[in-house]
């Protein structure tokens, strides 16, 4: 989750909403990466989730479900907001679990 969240953050760094709207490959990549984060979150044990209540587990897995099951109605505003607002927080929360940051 941590590595993938960092990839999302890197992809939107220095990117404007107009850039996002104009770049289909970026939009598809971000949706895929958010789906991957949600899939990983889905596999986190209930015990670990309860130990980290600040992480919005249900929202993360809910985004995954939306991308996987309702992809024809994916709200790109939500993808952009998640990538630019929620992912930086998630990276910070998850960094606590990484033994040493490789970068």
C-alpha atoms as a PDB file:
ATOM      1  CA  UNK A   1       0.000   0.000   0.000  1.00  0.00           C
ATOM      2  CA  UNK A   2       2.772   2.381   0.950  1.00  0.00           C
ATOM      3  CA  UNK A   3       4.736   2.006  -2.268  1.00  0.00           C
ATOM      4  CA  UNK A   4       1.636   2.308  -4.420  1.00  0.00           C
ATOM      5  CA  UNK A   5       0.398   5.346  -2.508  1.00  0.00           C
ATOM      6  CA  UNK A   6       3.786   6.953  -3.060  1.00  0.00           C
ATOM      7  CA  UNK A   7       3.473   6.235  -6.782  1.00  0.00           C
ATOM      8  CA  UNK A   8       0.115   8.018  -6.836  1.00  0.00           C
ATOM      9  CA  UNK A   9       1.592  11.007  -5.005  1.00  0.00           C
ATOM     10  CA  UNK A  10       4.502  11.153  -7.439  1.00  0.00           C
ATOM     11  CA  UNK A  11       2.203  11.041 -10.461  1.00  0.00           C
ATOM     12  CA  UNK A  12       0.194  14.062  -9.315  1.00  0.00           C
ATOM     13  CA  UNK A  13       3.110  16.098  -8.014  1.00  0.00           C
ATOM     14  CA  UNK A  14       3.232  19.328 -10.020  1.00  0.00           C
ATOM     15  CA  UNK A  15       0.152  18.318 -12.018  1.00  0.00           C
ATOM     16  CA  UNK A  16      -2.832  20.640 -12.317  1.00  0.00           C
ATOM     17  CA  UNK A  17      -6.415  19.563 -12.601  1.00  0.00           C
ATOM     18  CA  UNK A  18      -6.311  20.697 -16.234  1.00  0.00           C
ATOM     19  CA  UNK A  19      -3.334  18.384 -16.847  1.00  0.00           C
ATOM     20  CA  UNK A  20      -5.234  15.530 -15.241  1.00  0.00           C
ATOM     21  CA  UNK A  21      -8.341  16.199 -17.327  1.00  0.00           C
ATOM     22  CA  UNK A  22      -6.303  16.309 -20.544  1.00  0.00           C
ATOM     23  CA  UNK A  23      -4.324  13.108 -19.889  1.00  0.00           C
ATOM     24  CA  UNK A  24      -6.343   9.928 -20.266  1.00  0.00           C
ATOM     25  CA  UNK A  25      -3.308   7.761 -19.495  1.00  0.00           C
ATOM     26  CA  UNK A  26      -2.800   9.580 -16.192  1.00  0.00           C
ATOM     27  CA  UNK A  27      -6.468   9.200 -15.278  1.00  0.00           C
ATOM     28  CA  UNK A  28      -6.381   5.480 -16.077  1.00  0.00           C
ATOM     29  CA  UNK A  29      -3.104   4.975 -14.199  1.00  0.00           C
ATOM     30  CA  UNK A  30      -4.369   6.736 -11.097  1.00  0.00           C
ATOM     31  CA  UNK A  31      -7.605   4.742 -11.103  1.00  0.00           C
ATOM     32  CA  UNK A  32      -5.614   1.515 -11.393  1.00  0.00           C
ATOM     33  CA  UNK A  33      -3.238   2.486  -8.599  1.00  0.00           C
ATOM     34  CA  UNK A  34      -6.129   3.479  -6.325  1.00  0.00           C
ATOM     35  CA  UNK A  35      -7.749   0.134  -7.096  1.00  0.00           C
ATOM     36  CA  UNK A  36      -4.494  -1.607  -6.136  1.00  0.00           C
ATOM     37  CA  UNK A  37      -4.339   0.284  -2.834  1.00  0.00           C
ATOM     38  CA  UNK A  38      -7.935  -0.721  -2.120  1.00  0.00           C
ATOM     39  CA  UNK A  39      -7.208  -4.349  -2.891  1.00  0.00           C
ATOM     40  CA  UNK A  40      -4.244  -4.326  -0.523  1.00  0.00           C
ATOM     41  CA  UNK A  41      -6.324  -2.614   2.174  1.00  0.00           C
ATOM     42  CA  UNK A  42      -9.002  -5.255   1.766  1.00  0.00           C
ATOM     43  CA  UNK A  43      -6.432  -7.877   2.746  1.00  0.00           C
ATOM     44  CA  UNK A  44      -5.375  -6.134   5.959  1.00  0.00           C
ATOM     45  CA  UNK A  45      -6.569  -8.101   8.964  1.00  0.00           C
ATOM     46  CA  UNK A  46      -9.421  -6.743  11.075  1.00  0.00           C
ATOM     47  CA  UNK A  47      -7.033  -6.650  14.032  1.00  0.00           C
ATOM     48  CA  UNK A  48      -4.541  -4.447  12.187  1.00  0.00           C
ATOM     49  CA  UNK A  49      -7.346  -2.203  10.941  1.00  0.00           C
ATOM     50  CA  UNK A  50      -8.642  -1.704  14.463  1.00  0.00           C
ATOM     51  CA  UNK A  51      -5.133  -0.779  15.630  1.00  0.00           C
ATOM     52  CA  UNK A  52      -5.009   1.985  12.998  1.00  0.00           C
ATOM     53  CA  UNK A  53      -8.392   3.733  13.235  1.00  0.00           C
ATOM     54  CA  UNK A  54      -7.047   6.942  11.662  1.00  0.00           C
ATOM     55  CA  UNK A  55      -6.757   5.131   8.333  1.00  0.00           C
ATOM     56  CA  UNK A  56     -10.139   5.244   6.573  1.00  0.00           C
ATOM     57  CA  UNK A  57     -10.194   1.558   5.658  1.00  0.00           C
ATOM     58  CA  UNK A  58     -13.821   1.494   4.531  1.00  0.00           C
ATOM     59  CA  UNK A  59     -13.318   4.477   2.233  1.00  0.00           C
ATOM     60  CA  UNK A  60     -10.191   2.932   0.726  1.00  0.00           C
ATOM     61  CA  UNK A  61     -11.878  -0.390   0.006  1.00  0.00           C
ATOM     62  CA  UNK A  62     -15.012   1.439  -1.114  1.00  0.00           C
ATOM     63  CA  UNK A  63     -12.985   3.288  -3.757  1.00  0.00           C
ATOM     64  CA  UNK A  64     -11.609  -0.040  -4.938  1.00  0.00           C
ATOM     65  CA  UNK A  65     -15.114  -1.461  -5.196  1.00  0.00           C
ATOM     66  CA  UNK A  66     -16.325   1.555  -7.142  1.00  0.00           C
ATOM     67  CA  UNK A  67     -13.450   1.290  -9.626  1.00  0.00           C
ATOM     68  CA  UNK A  68     -13.840  -2.469 -10.075  1.00  0.00           C
ATOM     69  CA  UNK A  69     -17.617  -2.784 -10.144  1.00  0.00           C
ATOM     70  CA  UNK A  70     -18.888   0.580 -11.367  1.00  0.00           C
ATOM     71  CA  UNK A  71     -16.045   1.681 -13.612  1.00  0.00           C
ATOM     72  CA  UNK A  72     -18.361   3.115 -16.268  1.00  0.00           C
ATOM     73  CA  UNK A  73     -19.560   5.687 -13.748  1.00  0.00           C
ATOM     74  CA  UNK A  74     -16.247   6.454 -12.082  1.00  0.00           C
ATOM     75  CA  UNK A  75     -16.245  10.017 -10.789  1.00  0.00           C
ATOM     76  CA  UNK A  76     -13.001  11.582 -11.989  1.00  0.00           C
ATOM     77  CA  UNK A  77     -13.486  14.408  -9.493  1.00  0.00           C
ATOM     78  CA  UNK A  78     -13.270  11.786  -6.761  1.00  0.00           C
ATOM     79  CA  UNK A  79     -10.184  10.189  -8.309  1.00  0.00           C
ATOM     80  CA  UNK A  80      -8.478  13.603  -8.473  1.00  0.00           C
ATOM     81  CA  UNK A  81      -9.502  14.536  -4.922  1.00  0.00           C
ATOM     82  CA  UNK A  82      -8.374  11.197  -3.552  1.00  0.00           C
ATOM     83  CA  UNK A  83      -5.032  11.354  -5.350  1.00  0.00           C
ATOM     84  CA  UNK A  84      -4.262  14.921  -4.337  1.00  0.00           C
ATOM     85  CA  UNK A  85      -5.827  15.171  -0.861  1.00  0.00           C
ATOM     86  CA  UNK A  86      -6.212  11.713   0.663  1.00  0.00           C
ATOM     87  CA  UNK A  87      -3.155   9.923  -0.662  1.00  0.00           C
ATOM     88  CA  UNK A  88      -0.600  12.295   0.931  1.00  0.00           C
ATOM     89  CA  UNK A  89      -2.226  11.607   4.319  1.00  0.00           C
ATOM     90  CA  UNK A  90      -2.225   7.883   3.655  1.00  0.00           C
ATOM     91  CA  UNK A  91       1.476   7.964   2.763  1.00  0.00           C
ATOM     92  CA  UNK A  92       2.193   9.653   6.094  1.00  0.00           C
ATOM     93  CA  UNK A  93       0.122   7.135   8.057  1.00  0.00           C
ATOM     94  CA  UNK A  94       1.644   4.141   6.295  1.00  0.00           C
ATOM     95  CA  UNK A  95       5.210   5.433   6.643  1.00  0.00           C
ATOM     96  CA  UNK A  96       5.010   4.485  10.309  1.00  0.00           C
ATOM     97  CA  UNK A  97       4.923   0.813   9.279  1.00  0.00           C
ATOM     98  CA  UNK A  98       7.878   0.907   6.915  1.00  0.00           C
ATOM     99  CA  UNK A  99      11.088  -0.134   8.678  1.00  0.00           C
ATOM    100  CA  UNK A 100      13.175   2.370   6.742  1.00  0.00           C
ATOM    101  CA  UNK A 101      12.194   4.633   3.895  1.00  0.00           C
ATOM    102  CA  UNK A 102      14.331   3.567   0.901  1.00  0.00           C
ATOM    103  CA  UNK A 103      14.434   7.139  -0.396  1.00  0.00           C
END
